[in-house]
């Protein structure tokens, strides 16, 4: 069975993005909220790139 590290990393990045979005909605500070949402966007982009790289290796 072939290991797919990019798939696993992509899934973890997507879960981290979801966690940061939830943390952004929970927080009361506006500055911190935008920071969490910004980090979530970066994690989501990283997840998409990892999924793309996983697909291109097949």
C-alpha atoms as a PDB file:
ATOM      1  CA  UNK A   1       0.000   0.000   0.000  1.00  0.00           C
ATOM      2  CA  UNK A   2       1.430   3.355  -1.049  1.00  0.00           C
ATOM      3  CA  UNK A   3       1.644   6.027   1.614  1.00  0.00           C
ATOM      4  CA  UNK A   4       0.190   9.441   0.781  1.00  0.00           C
ATOM      5  CA  UNK A   5       1.814  11.975   3.118  1.00  0.00           C
ATOM      6  CA  UNK A   6       0.414  14.928   1.161  1.00  0.00           C
ATOM      7  CA  UNK A   7      -3.113  13.616   1.604  1.00  0.00           C
ATOM      8  CA  UNK A   8      -2.670  13.272   5.358  1.00  0.00           C
ATOM      9  CA  UNK A   9      -1.071  16.696   5.680  1.00  0.00           C
ATOM     10  CA  UNK A  10      -3.873  18.192   3.581  1.00  0.00           C
ATOM     11  CA  UNK A  11      -6.515  16.686   5.848  1.00  0.00           C
ATOM     12  CA  UNK A  12      -4.738  17.982   8.960  1.00  0.00           C
ATOM     13  CA  UNK A  13      -4.421  21.448   7.416  1.00  0.00           C
ATOM     14  CA  UNK A  14      -8.118  21.462   6.578  1.00  0.00           C
ATOM     15  CA  UNK A  15      -8.997  20.482  10.151  1.00  0.00           C
ATOM     16  CA  UNK A  16      -6.724  23.232  11.471  1.00  0.00           C
ATOM     17  CA  UNK A  17      -8.428  25.747   9.172  1.00  0.00           C
ATOM     18  CA  UNK A  18     -11.834  24.722  10.511  1.00  0.00           C
ATOM     19  CA  UNK A  19     -10.571  25.033  14.096  1.00  0.00           C
ATOM     20  CA  UNK A  20      -9.234  28.541  13.446  1.00  0.00           C
ATOM     21  CA  UNK A  21     -12.532  29.622  11.855  1.00  0.00           C
ATOM     22  CA  UNK A  22     -14.420  28.366  14.911  1.00  0.00           C
ATOM     23  CA  UNK A  23     -11.961  30.150  17.216  1.00  0.00           C
ATOM     24  CA  UNK A  24     -12.392  33.306  15.157  1.00  0.00           C
ATOM     25  CA  UNK A  25     -16.144  33.251  15.607  1.00  0.00           C
ATOM     26  CA  UNK A  26     -15.874  32.547  19.340  1.00  0.00           C
ATOM     27  CA  UNK A  27     -13.469  35.373  20.183  1.00  0.00           C
ATOM     28  CA  UNK A  28     -14.755  38.823  21.124  1.00  0.00           C
ATOM     29  CA  UNK A  29     -11.781  40.907  19.989  1.00  0.00           C
ATOM     30  CA  UNK A  30     -12.041  42.219  16.441  1.00  0.00           C
ATOM     31  CA  UNK A  31      -8.296  42.210  15.800  1.00  0.00           C
ATOM     32  CA  UNK A  32      -7.881  38.659  17.041  1.00  0.00           C
ATOM     33  CA  UNK A  33     -10.904  37.567  15.006  1.00  0.00           C
ATOM     34  CA  UNK A  34      -9.339  38.832  11.766  1.00  0.00           C
ATOM     35  CA  UNK A  35      -6.053  37.185  12.730  1.00  0.00           C
ATOM     36  CA  UNK A  36      -7.712  33.807  13.260  1.00  0.00           C
ATOM     37  CA  UNK A  37      -9.638  34.083  10.006  1.00  0.00           C
ATOM     38  CA  UNK A  38      -6.427  35.035   8.168  1.00  0.00           C
ATOM     39  CA  UNK A  39      -4.584  32.022   9.562  1.00  0.00           C
ATOM     40  CA  UNK A  40      -7.547  29.811   8.623  1.00  0.00           C
ATOM     41  CA  UNK A  41      -7.358  31.045   5.033  1.00  0.00           C
ATOM     42  CA  UNK A  42      -3.649  30.238   4.900  1.00  0.00           C
ATOM     43  CA  UNK A  43      -4.258  26.736   6.271  1.00  0.00           C
ATOM     44  CA  UNK A  44      -7.036  26.201   3.721  1.00  0.00           C
ATOM     45  CA  UNK A  45      -4.748  27.279   0.872  1.00  0.00           C
ATOM     46  CA  UNK A  46      -2.056  24.938   2.157  1.00  0.00           C
ATOM     47  CA  UNK A  47      -4.584  22.090   2.325  1.00  0.00           C
ATOM     48  CA  UNK A  48      -5.691  22.695  -1.259  1.00  0.00           C
ATOM     49  CA  UNK A  49      -2.091  22.738  -2.474  1.00  0.00           C
ATOM     50  CA  UNK A  50      -1.373  19.474  -0.652  1.00  0.00           C
ATOM     51  CA  UNK A  51      -4.455  17.858  -2.204  1.00  0.00           C
ATOM     52  CA  UNK A  52      -3.325  19.070  -5.631  1.00  0.00           C
ATOM     53  CA  UNK A  53       0.172  17.702  -5.109  1.00  0.00           C
ATOM     54  CA  UNK A  54      -1.244  14.371  -3.926  1.00  0.00           C
ATOM     55  CA  UNK A  55      -3.365  14.153  -7.080  1.00  0.00           C
ATOM     56  CA  UNK A  56      -0.436  15.025  -9.357  1.00  0.00           C
ATOM     57  CA  UNK A  57       1.732  12.236  -7.893  1.00  0.00           C
ATOM     58  CA  UNK A  58      -0.749   9.549  -8.894  1.00  0.00           C
END
